[in-house]
Amino acid sequence: MHRPAAPLRHSAQQVRWQRRAGRGGGPAESSGSDEEDFFQEEGSMEEFYDADDVGYEEGRPGDGDSEMRLYLDSANVKEWEMWAETGLFYGFTTNPTILKRDDVSCNIASMRHLAREAFALKVEELQLQAWGATAAEMYSCGLDLMDIDSRILVKLPVTLEGAKAAAKLVADGAPVTMTGVYAAHQVVTSLALGAAYAAPYVGRMTDAGKNGIEEVIRMQEVVDQCTEEGGMRLLVASIRSADEIAELAGCNTFTISPAVARQLFDVGLTNDAAVVFQQHANEMGAKDSS
């Protein structure tokens, strides 16, 4: 079956280069790395790409990566610190509702603080949601968020105003996440905008009378049919239990609350087995061998 060509995607590296070349910006620009002077050389971007490094394929830069990504849906830095030690999480996701829940101020200074804390923990991405009642306000907020650090992804609601803001940010080279996805056609909208992620809310769809699991699987089929590997990802959100992750066959990107993260390790038989293993290790001389 012939699949439509995927829309042009920017790799994270390309976005960083674009920002350094055209805008300057956040902390990453002052790192003193060789990349800072990348665009001082003449020539097109394509001349400098290494296909093995950035997933360059048939003239289309992309991450070329379909591996599993987990995010922690929290603005609580103490939770970040605890879960970062597991190595499970690719990044952290937030929105104004999460900020309110975790008692974090919704302003640029506060987001700058969150970014410093997040990237000190060596995560790859931090997703922050732009706020504003109009496209112009969300776009302006998105630019401010972009300028904090090149590893930030800007989240926007998949509304008319959110789409207008997203179009401008994508044109500026910013990776965006379209959030608040409740219908498969909103995934199509997100693809057309060139979003890096679209975030469906599984639990909230179920609360509204839909079968959230089935809806998300259908959305993933749309993504698989319309993109090549390394294109837009579904960032599956509003997950109510660890078992729901296993039910979502075919999805590879999830953001989960700290409560659901704890469920990943709350398997009684496994924990009991670990206790027995250590007991037997001690009986067989483990305590005496150090």
C-alpha atoms as a PDB file:
ATOM      1  CA  MET A   1       0.000   0.000   0.000  1.00  0.00           C
ATOM      2  CA  HIS A   2       1.368   3.379  -0.985  1.00  0.00           C
ATOM      3  CA  ARG A   3       1.708   5.804   1.889  1.00  0.00           C
ATOM      4  CA  PRO A   4       1.690   9.576   1.480  1.00  0.00           C
ATOM      5  CA  ALA A   5       5.027  11.261   1.864  1.00  0.00           C
ATOM      6  CA  ALA A   6       5.684  12.452   5.399  1.00  0.00           C
ATOM      7  CA  PRO A   7       5.779  16.205   5.973  1.00  0.00           C
ATOM      8  CA  LEU A   8       9.188  17.767   6.439  1.00  0.00           C
ATOM      9  CA  ARG A   9      10.534  17.182   9.932  1.00  0.00           C
ATOM     10  CA  HIS A  10      13.356  18.886  11.737  1.00  0.00           C
ATOM     11  CA  SER A  11      15.697  16.911  13.944  1.00  0.00           C
ATOM     12  CA  ALA A  12      16.411  18.299  17.398  1.00  0.00           C
ATOM     13  CA  GLN A  13      19.956  19.028  16.247  1.00  0.00           C
ATOM     14  CA  GLN A  14      18.734  20.969  13.224  1.00  0.00           C
ATOM     15  CA  VAL A  15      16.443  23.057  15.391  1.00  0.00           C
ATOM     16  CA  ARG A  16      19.328  23.929  17.681  1.00  0.00           C
ATOM     17  CA  TRP A  17      21.422  25.008  14.707  1.00  0.00           C
ATOM     18  CA  GLN A  18      18.594  27.084  13.300  1.00  0.00           C
ATOM     19  CA  ARG A  19      18.091  28.893  16.555  1.00  0.00           C
ATOM     20  CA  ARG A  20      21.762  29.603  17.029  1.00  0.00           C
ATOM     21  CA  ALA A  21      22.007  30.890  13.492  1.00  0.00           C
ATOM     22  CA  GLY A  22      18.909  33.062  13.516  1.00  0.00           C
ATOM     23  CA  ARG A  23      17.832  33.929  17.031  1.00  0.00           C
ATOM     24  CA  GLY A  24      20.442  33.284  19.664  1.00  0.00           C
ATOM     25  CA  GLY A  25      18.645  32.394  22.867  1.00  0.00           C
ATOM     26  CA  GLY A  26      18.822  30.238  25.936  1.00  0.00           C
ATOM     27  CA  PRO A  27      21.475  28.517  27.990  1.00  0.00           C
ATOM     28  CA  ALA A  28      22.477  26.006  25.315  1.00  0.00           C
ATOM     29  CA  GLU A  29      23.851  28.841  23.185  1.00  0.00           C
ATOM     30  CA  SER A  30      26.489  29.754  25.761  1.00  0.00           C
ATOM     31  CA  SER A  31      27.968  26.280  26.087  1.00  0.00           C
ATOM     32  CA  GLY A  32      31.109  27.035  24.115  1.00  0.00           C
ATOM     33  CA  SER A  33      30.691  23.953  21.938  1.00  0.00           C
ATOM     34  CA  ASP A  34      31.848  23.657  18.344  1.00  0.00           C
ATOM     35  CA  GLU A  35      28.223  23.766  17.198  1.00  0.00           C
ATOM     36  CA  GLU A  36      27.964  27.460  18.104  1.00  0.00           C
ATOM     37  CA  ASP A  37      29.977  28.427  15.043  1.00  0.00           C
ATOM     38  CA  PHE A  38      28.319  25.921  12.750  1.00  0.00           C
ATOM     39  CA  PHE A  39      26.630  28.419  10.488  1.00  0.00           C
ATOM     40  CA  GLN A  40      29.631  30.698  10.251  1.00  0.00           C
ATOM     41  CA  GLU A  41      30.637  28.512   7.323  1.00  0.00           C
ATOM     42  CA  GLU A  42      29.042  29.163   3.959  1.00  0.00           C
ATOM     43  CA  GLY A  43      26.890  26.571   2.277  1.00  0.00           C
ATOM     44  CA  SER A  44      23.577  24.850   2.736  1.00  0.00           C
ATOM     45  CA  MET A  45      22.558  22.873   5.799  1.00  0.00           C
ATOM     46  CA  GLU A  46      22.431  19.647   3.813  1.00  0.00           C
ATOM     47  CA  GLU A  47      26.156  19.839   3.042  1.00  0.00           C
ATOM     48  CA  PHE A  48      26.949  19.351   6.709  1.00  0.00           C
ATOM     49  CA  TYR A  49      24.525  16.573   7.609  1.00  0.00           C
ATOM     50  CA  ASP A  50      25.837  13.141   8.425  1.00  0.00           C
ATOM     51  CA  ALA A  51      23.156  10.591   7.598  1.00  0.00           C
ATOM     52  CA  ASP A  52      24.217   8.247  10.400  1.00  0.00           C
ATOM     53  CA  ASP A  53      24.100  10.977  13.015  1.00  0.00           C
ATOM     54  CA  VAL A  54      20.744  12.627  12.370  1.00  0.00           C
ATOM     55  CA  GLY A  55      18.669  10.068  10.512  1.00  0.00           C
ATOM     56  CA  TYR A  56      19.043  11.829   7.166  1.00  0.00           C
ATOM     57  CA  GLU A  57      16.949   9.856   4.696  1.00  0.00           C
ATOM     58  CA  GLU A  58      16.014  10.692   1.115  1.00  0.00           C
ATOM     59  CA  GLY A  59      16.643  14.380   1.659  1.00  0.00           C
ATOM     60  CA  ARG A  60      14.434  14.552   4.753  1.00  0.00           C
ATOM     61  CA  PRO A  61      16.071  15.271   8.110  1.00  0.00           C
ATOM     62  CA  GLY A  62      14.414  13.388  10.962  1.00  0.00           C
ATOM     63  CA  ASP A  63      15.243  11.525  14.131  1.00  0.00           C
ATOM     64  CA  GLY A  64      14.868   8.098  12.438  1.00  0.00           C
ATOM     65  CA  ASP A  65      14.016   6.745  15.849  1.00  0.00           C
ATOM     66  CA  SER A  66      11.089   4.563  16.889  1.00  0.00           C
ATOM     67  CA  GLU A  67      12.367   3.477  20.302  1.00  0.00           C
ATOM     68  CA  MET A  68      10.177   3.680  23.401  1.00  0.00           C
ATOM     69  CA  ARG A  69      10.025   7.054  25.149  1.00  0.00           C
ATOM     70  CA  LEU A  70       8.532   7.604  28.581  1.00  0.00           C
ATOM     71  CA  TYR A  71       7.916  11.046  30.089  1.00  0.00           C
ATOM     72  CA  LEU A  72       6.980  11.978  33.635  1.00  0.00           C
ATOM     73  CA  ASP A  73       3.879  14.173  33.711  1.00  0.00           C
ATOM     74  CA  SER A  74       4.845  16.392  36.624  1.00  0.00           C
ATOM     75  CA  ALA A  75       6.236  19.776  37.630  1.00  0.00           C
ATOM     76  CA  ASN A  76       7.396  18.499  41.020  1.00  0.00           C
ATOM     77  CA  VAL A  77      11.189  18.719  41.034  1.00  0.00           C
ATOM     78  CA  LYS A  78      11.506  16.250  43.919  1.00  0.00           C
ATOM     79  CA  GLU A  79       9.590  13.692  41.862  1.00  0.00           C
ATOM     80  CA  TRP A  80      11.847  14.464  38.899  1.00  0.00           C
ATOM     81  CA  GLU A  81      14.946  13.857  40.996  1.00  0.00           C
ATOM     82  CA  MET A  82      13.686  10.528  42.322  1.00  0.00           C
ATOM     83  CA  TRP A  83      12.548   9.150  38.965  1.00  0.00           C
ATOM     84  CA  ALA A  84      15.544  10.430  36.995  1.00  0.00           C
ATOM     85  CA  GLU A  85      17.675   7.921  38.903  1.00  0.00           C
ATOM     86  CA  THR A  86      15.809   5.036  37.262  1.00  0.00           C
ATOM     87  CA  GLY A  87      16.895   6.072  33.766  1.00  0.00           C
ATOM     88  CA  LEU A  88      13.368   5.345  32.506  1.00  0.00           C
ATOM     89  CA  PHE A  89      12.335   8.812  31.473  1.00  0.00           C
ATOM     90  CA  TYR A  90      13.249  10.607  28.265  1.00  0.00           C
ATOM     91  CA  GLY A  91      11.894  13.860  29.645  1.00  0.00           C
ATOM     92  CA  PHE A  92       9.231  15.658  31.638  1.00  0.00           C
ATOM     93  CA  THR A  93       5.899  17.134  30.535  1.00  0.00           C
ATOM     94  CA  THR A  94       3.840  19.873  32.132  1.00  0.00           C
ATOM     95  CA  ASN A  95       0.858  22.111  31.453  1.00  0.00           C
ATOM     96  CA  PRO A  96      -0.889  24.864  33.454  1.00  0.00           C
ATOM     97  CA  THR A  97      -3.142  22.308  35.174  1.00  0.00           C
ATOM     98  CA  ILE A  98      -0.105  20.318  36.331  1.00  0.00           C
ATOM     99  CA  LEU A  99       1.584  23.554  37.444  1.00  0.00           C
ATOM    100  CA  LYS A 100      -1.467  24.338  39.581  1.00  0.00           C
ATOM    101  CA  ARG A 101      -1.539  20.817  41.031  1.00  0.00           C
ATOM    102  CA  ASP A 102       2.151  20.979  41.934  1.00  0.00           C
ATOM    103  CA  ASP A 103       1.958  24.606  43.162  1.00  0.00           C
ATOM    104  CA  VAL A 104       4.342  26.005  40.547  1.00  0.00           C
ATOM    105  CA  SER A 105       3.865  29.559  39.267  1.00  0.00           C
ATOM    106  CA  CYS A 106       2.875  29.922  35.614  1.00  0.00           C
ATOM    107  CA  ASN A 107       5.350  32.496  34.334  1.00  0.00           C
ATOM    108  CA  ILE A 108       8.542  32.532  32.283  1.00  0.00           C
ATOM    109  CA  ALA A 109      10.830  32.948  35.300  1.00  0.00           C
ATOM    110  CA  SER A 110       9.315  29.821  36.843  1.00  0.00           C
ATOM    111  CA  MET A 111       9.666  27.898  33.562  1.00  0.00           C
ATOM    112  CA  ARG A 112      13.308  28.946  33.374  1.00  0.00           C
ATOM    113  CA  HIS A 113      13.843  27.486  36.850  1.00  0.00           C
ATOM    114  CA  LEU A 114      12.115  24.237  35.852  1.00  0.00           C
ATOM    115  CA  ALA A 115      14.332  23.974  32.775  1.00  0.00           C
ATOM    116  CA  ARG A 116      17.506  24.363  34.832  1.00  0.00           C
ATOM    117  CA  GLU A 117      16.346  21.651  37.212  1.00  0.00           C
ATOM    118  CA  ALA A 118      15.246  19.303  34.418  1.00  0.00           C
ATOM    119  CA  PHE A 119      18.392  19.474  32.326  1.00  0.00           C
ATOM    120  CA  ALA A 120      20.622  19.174  35.370  1.00  0.00           C
ATOM    121  CA  LEU A 121      19.044  15.707  35.640  1.00  0.00           C
ATOM    122  CA  LYS A 122      20.242  14.846  32.098  1.00  0.00           C
ATOM    123  CA  VAL A 123      16.841  14.338  30.475  1.00  0.00           C
ATOM    124  CA  GLU A 124      16.580  14.832  26.720  1.00  0.00           C
ATOM    125  CA  GLU A 125      13.465  17.027  26.568  1.00  0.00           C
ATOM    126  CA  LEU A 126      11.213  19.230  28.659  1.00  0.00           C
ATOM    127  CA  GLN A 127       7.739  19.961  27.310  1.00  0.00           C
ATOM    128  CA  LEU A 128       6.197  23.242  28.480  1.00  0.00           C
ATOM    129  CA  GLN A 129       2.799  24.510  27.398  1.00  0.00           C
ATOM    130  CA  ALA A 130       2.390  28.020  26.024  1.00  0.00           C
ATOM    131  CA  TRP A 131      -0.444  30.018  27.543  1.00  0.00           C
ATOM    132  CA  GLY A 132      -2.618  32.773  26.119  1.00  0.00           C
ATOM    133  CA  ALA A 133      -6.155  33.353  24.888  1.00  0.00           C
ATOM    134  CA  THR A 134      -5.157  34.212  21.321  1.00  0.00           C
ATOM    135  CA  ALA A 135      -2.753  32.856  18.719  1.00  0.00           C
ATOM    136  CA  ALA A 136      -0.604  35.971  19.088  1.00  0.00           C
ATOM    137  CA  GLU A 137      -0.331  35.508  22.853  1.00  0.00           C
ATOM    138  CA  MET A 138       0.481  31.795  22.564  1.00  0.00           C
ATOM    139  CA  TYR A 139       3.042  32.469  19.837  1.00  0.00           C
ATOM    140  CA  SER A 140       4.756  35.136  21.928  1.00  0.00           C
ATOM    141  CA  CYS A 141       4.796  32.823  24.954  1.00  0.00           C
ATOM    142  CA  GLY A 142       6.110  30.006  22.775  1.00  0.00           C
ATOM    143  CA  LEU A 143       9.015  32.164  21.622  1.00  0.00           C
ATOM    144  CA  ASP A 144       9.852  32.967  25.229  1.00  0.00           C
ATOM    145  CA  LEU A 145       9.805  29.264  26.099  1.00  0.00           C
ATOM    146  CA  MET A 146      11.994  28.424  23.088  1.00  0.00           C
ATOM    147  CA  ASP A 147      14.556  30.960  24.183  1.00  0.00           C
ATOM    148  CA  ILE A 148      15.006  29.330  27.591  1.00  0.00           C
ATOM    149  CA  ASP A 149      16.710  26.228  26.164  1.00  0.00           C
ATOM    150  CA  SER A 150      16.871  24.488  22.795  1.00  0.00           C
ATOM    151  CA  ARG A 151      15.721  21.183  24.333  1.00  0.00           C
ATOM    152  CA  ILE A 152      12.291  22.578  25.230  1.00  0.00           C
ATOM    153  CA  LEU A 153       9.261  21.555  23.176  1.00  0.00           C
ATOM    154  CA  VAL A 154       6.341  23.955  23.120  1.00  0.00           C
ATOM    155  CA  LYS A 155       2.914  22.443  23.769  1.00  0.00           C
ATOM    156  CA  LEU A 156      -0.184  24.038  22.257  1.00  0.00           C
ATOM    157  CA  PRO A 157      -3.866  23.070  22.363  1.00  0.00           C
ATOM    158  CA  VAL A 158      -5.197  21.709  19.082  1.00  0.00           C
ATOM    159  CA  THR A 159      -7.665  24.584  18.732  1.00  0.00           C
ATOM    160  CA  LEU A 160      -7.929  27.117  15.919  1.00  0.00           C
ATOM    161  CA  GLU A 161      -5.873  29.658  17.843  1.00  0.00           C
ATOM    162  CA  GLY A 162      -3.421  26.976  18.923  1.00  0.00           C
ATOM    163  CA  ALA A 163      -2.986  25.873  15.310  1.00  0.00           C
ATOM    164  CA  LYS A 164      -2.255  29.432  14.198  1.00  0.00           C
ATOM    165  CA  ALA A 165       0.406  29.767  16.871  1.00  0.00           C
ATOM    166  CA  ALA A 166       1.825  26.326  16.034  1.00  0.00           C
ATOM    167  CA  ALA A 167       2.147  27.168  12.341  1.00  0.00           C
ATOM    168  CA  LYS A 168       4.275  30.211  13.150  1.00  0.00           C
ATOM    169  CA  LEU A 169       6.425  28.374  15.677  1.00  0.00           C
ATOM    170  CA  VAL A 170       7.040  25.469  13.298  1.00  0.00           C
ATOM    171  CA  ALA A 171       8.007  27.985  10.606  1.00  0.00           C
ATOM    172  CA  ASP A 172      10.528  29.384  13.109  1.00  0.00           C
ATOM    173  CA  GLY A 173      12.025  25.900  13.509  1.00  0.00           C
ATOM    174  CA  ALA A 174      10.431  25.059  16.854  1.00  0.00           C
ATOM    175  CA  PRO A 175       9.318  21.495  17.581  1.00  0.00           C
ATOM    176  CA  VAL A 176       5.769  21.602  18.945  1.00  0.00           C
ATOM    177  CA  THR A 177       3.352  19.223  20.631  1.00  0.00           C
ATOM    178  CA  MET A 178      -0.345  19.569  19.858  1.00  0.00           C
ATOM    179  CA  THR A 179      -2.192  18.653  23.037  1.00  0.00           C
ATOM    180  CA  GLY A 180      -5.749  18.011  24.160  1.00  0.00           C
ATOM    181  CA  VAL A 181      -6.360  15.507  21.358  1.00  0.00           C
ATOM    182  CA  TYR A 182      -9.732  13.742  21.603  1.00  0.00           C
ATOM    183  CA  ALA A 183     -10.513  12.792  17.988  1.00  0.00           C
ATOM    184  CA  ALA A 184      -8.611  11.053  15.193  1.00  0.00           C
ATOM    185  CA  HIS A 185      -9.051  13.990  12.823  1.00  0.00           C
ATOM    186  CA  GLN A 186      -7.079  16.129  15.289  1.00  0.00           C
ATOM    187  CA  VAL A 187      -4.137  13.801  14.668  1.00  0.00           C
ATOM    188  CA  VAL A 188      -4.452  14.611  10.961  1.00  0.00           C
ATOM    189  CA  THR A 189      -4.456  18.318  11.856  1.00  0.00           C
ATOM    190  CA  SER A 190      -1.318  17.866  13.941  1.00  0.00           C
ATOM    191  CA  LEU A 191       0.419  16.026  11.100  1.00  0.00           C
ATOM    192  CA  ALA A 192      -0.488  18.779   8.657  1.00  0.00           C
ATOM    193  CA  LEU A 193       0.950  21.395  11.010  1.00  0.00           C
ATOM    194  CA  GLY A 194       4.268  19.533  11.130  1.00  0.00           C
ATOM    195  CA  ALA A 195       4.044  18.858  14.868  1.00  0.00           C
ATOM    196  CA  ALA A 196       6.641  16.652  16.527  1.00  0.00           C
ATOM    197  CA  TYR A 197       4.038  15.128  18.856  1.00  0.00           C
ATOM    198  CA  ALA A 198       0.271  14.953  19.290  1.00  0.00           C
ATOM    199  CA  ALA A 199      -1.022  14.171  22.775  1.00  0.00           C
ATOM    200  CA  PRO A 200      -4.295  12.211  23.098  1.00  0.00           C
ATOM    201  CA  TYR A 201      -5.922  11.934  26.529  1.00  0.00           C
ATOM    202  CA  VAL A 202      -6.816   8.270  27.051  1.00  0.00           C
ATOM    203  CA  GLY A 203      -8.485   8.499  30.441  1.00  0.00           C
ATOM    204  CA  ARG A 204     -10.448  11.632  29.676  1.00  0.00           C
ATOM    205  CA  MET A 205     -11.776  10.119  26.460  1.00  0.00           C
ATOM    206  CA  THR A 206     -13.012   7.150  28.465  1.00  0.00           C
ATOM    207  CA  ASP A 207     -14.571   9.522  31.018  1.00  0.00           C
ATOM    208  CA  ALA A 208     -16.427  11.207  28.149  1.00  0.00           C
ATOM    209  CA  GLY A 209     -18.016   7.899  27.094  1.00  0.00           C
ATOM    210  CA  LYS A 210     -15.550   6.778  24.423  1.00  0.00           C
ATOM    211  CA  ASN A 211     -13.294   3.752  24.546  1.00  0.00           C
ATOM    212  CA  GLY A 212     -10.047   5.639  25.100  1.00  0.00           C
ATOM    213  CA  ILE A 213      -7.813   2.655  24.377  1.00  0.00           C
ATOM    214  CA  GLU A 214      -9.483   1.926  21.038  1.00  0.00           C
ATOM    215  CA  GLU A 215      -9.462   5.610  20.059  1.00  0.00           C
ATOM    216  CA  VAL A 216      -5.732   5.936  20.679  1.00  0.00           C
ATOM    217  CA  ILE A 217      -4.969   2.730  18.754  1.00  0.00           C
ATOM    218  CA  ARG A 218      -6.967   4.186  15.853  1.00  0.00           C
ATOM    219  CA  MET A 219      -4.988   7.430  16.113  1.00  0.00           C
ATOM    220  CA  GLN A 220      -1.722   5.491  16.044  1.00  0.00           C
ATOM    221  CA  GLU A 221      -2.882   3.772  12.844  1.00  0.00           C
ATOM    222  CA  VAL A 222      -3.383   7.206  11.275  1.00  0.00           C
ATOM    223  CA  VAL A 223       0.159   8.189  12.243  1.00  0.00           C
ATOM    224  CA  ASP A 224       1.593   4.918  10.918  1.00  0.00           C
ATOM    225  CA  GLN A 225      -0.214   5.303   7.591  1.00  0.00           C
ATOM    226  CA  CYS A 226       0.725   8.946   7.058  1.00  0.00           C
ATOM    227  CA  THR A 227       4.323   9.151   8.254  1.00  0.00           C
ATOM    228  CA  GLU A 228       7.591   7.354   7.849  1.00  0.00           C
ATOM    229  CA  GLU A 229       9.686   6.161  10.784  1.00  0.00           C
ATOM    230  CA  GLY A 230      10.985   9.151  12.695  1.00  0.00           C
ATOM    231  CA  GLY A 231       7.947  11.321  11.925  1.00  0.00           C
ATOM    232  CA  MET A 232       5.352  12.621  14.351  1.00  0.00           C
ATOM    233  CA  ARG A 233       4.800  10.598  17.515  1.00  0.00           C
ATOM    234  CA  LEU A 234       1.663  10.174  19.569  1.00  0.00           C
ATOM    235  CA  LEU A 235       2.469  11.297  23.105  1.00  0.00           C
ATOM    236  CA  VAL A 236      -0.186   9.261  24.930  1.00  0.00           C
ATOM    237  CA  ALA A 237      -1.380  11.082  28.054  1.00  0.00           C
ATOM    238  CA  SER A 238      -4.029  10.822  30.787  1.00  0.00           C
ATOM    239  CA  ILE A 239      -3.064   7.224  31.520  1.00  0.00           C
ATOM    240  CA  ARG A 240      -4.822   5.886  34.591  1.00  0.00           C
ATOM    241  CA  SER A 241      -2.895   2.644  35.140  1.00  0.00           C
ATOM    242  CA  ALA A 242       0.282   0.865  34.134  1.00  0.00           C
ATOM    243  CA  ASP A 243      -1.804  -1.863  32.507  1.00  0.00           C
ATOM    244  CA  GLU A 244      -3.188   0.672  30.008  1.00  0.00           C
ATOM    245  CA  ILE A 245       0.307   1.161  28.617  1.00  0.00           C
ATOM    246  CA  ALA A 246       0.526  -2.551  27.789  1.00  0.00           C
ATOM    247  CA  GLU A 247      -2.913  -2.410  26.141  1.00  0.00           C
ATOM    248  CA  LEU A 248      -1.839   0.338  23.753  1.00  0.00           C
ATOM    249  CA  ALA A 249      -0.121  -1.924  21.244  1.00  0.00           C
ATOM    250  CA  GLY A 250       1.799  -0.036  18.600  1.00  0.00           C
ATOM    251  CA  CYS A 251       2.293   3.174  20.599  1.00  0.00           C
ATOM    252  CA  ASN A 252       5.821   4.024  21.665  1.00  0.00           C
ATOM    253  CA  THR A 253       5.574   7.330  23.545  1.00  0.00           C
ATOM    254  CA  PHE A 254       3.786   7.872  26.856  1.00  0.00           C
ATOM    255  CA  THR A 255       3.647  10.500  29.559  1.00  0.00           C
ATOM    256  CA  ILE A 256       2.611   9.194  32.958  1.00  0.00           C
ATOM    257  CA  SER A 257       2.001  10.609  36.409  1.00  0.00           C
ATOM    258  CA  PRO A 258       4.257   9.718  39.345  1.00  0.00           C
ATOM    259  CA  ALA A 259       1.404   7.546  40.687  1.00  0.00           C
ATOM    260  CA  VAL A 260       1.356   5.451  37.502  1.00  0.00           C
ATOM    261  CA  ALA A 261       5.162   5.361  37.476  1.00  0.00           C
ATOM    262  CA  ARG A 262       5.011   3.725  40.900  1.00  0.00           C
ATOM    263  CA  GLN A 263       2.646   1.099  39.522  1.00  0.00           C
ATOM    264  CA  LEU A 264       5.355   0.010  37.086  1.00  0.00           C
ATOM    265  CA  PHE A 265       7.229  -1.429  40.069  1.00  0.00           C
ATOM    266  CA  ASP A 266       4.272  -2.384  42.254  1.00  0.00           C
ATOM    267  CA  VAL A 267       4.157  -6.071  41.318  1.00  0.00           C
ATOM    268  CA  GLY A 268       3.910  -8.129  44.483  1.00  0.00           C
ATOM    269  CA  LEU A 269       5.254 -11.395  43.089  1.00  0.00           C
ATOM    270  CA  THR A 270       8.308  -9.632  41.654  1.00  0.00           C
ATOM    271  CA  ASN A 271       9.022  -7.823  44.911  1.00  0.00           C
ATOM    272  CA  ASP A 272       8.599 -11.054  46.859  1.00  0.00           C
ATOM    273  CA  ALA A 273      11.021 -12.803  44.497  1.00  0.00           C
ATOM    274  CA  ALA A 274      13.600 -10.051  44.999  1.00  0.00           C
ATOM    275  CA  VAL A 275      13.394 -10.514  48.774  1.00  0.00           C
ATOM    276  CA  VAL A 276      13.931 -14.279  48.408  1.00  0.00           C
ATOM    277  CA  PHE A 277      16.855 -13.740  46.016  1.00  0.00           C
ATOM    278  CA  GLN A 278      18.592 -11.501  48.544  1.00  0.00           C
ATOM    279  CA  GLN A 279      17.826 -13.875  51.414  1.00  0.00           C
ATOM    280  CA  HIS A 280      19.414 -16.756  49.540  1.00  0.00           C
ATOM    281  CA  ALA A 281      22.366 -14.593  48.508  1.00  0.00           C
ATOM    282  CA  ASN A 282      22.982 -13.768  52.167  1.00  0.00           C
ATOM    283  CA  GLU A 283      22.694 -17.427  53.159  1.00  0.00           C
ATOM    284  CA  MET A 284      25.261 -18.357  50.545  1.00  0.00           C
ATOM    285  CA  GLY A 285      27.908 -15.934  51.737  1.00  0.00           C
ATOM    286  CA  ALA A 286      27.069 -12.640  49.999  1.00  0.00           C
ATOM    287  CA  LYS A 287      27.416 -10.658  53.244  1.00  0.00           C
ATOM    288  CA  ASP A 288      30.838 -12.157  53.876  1.00  0.00           C
ATOM    289  CA  SER A 289      32.226 -11.598  50.382  1.00  0.00           C
ATOM    290  CA  SER A 290      32.487  -7.785  50.410  1.00  0.00           C
END
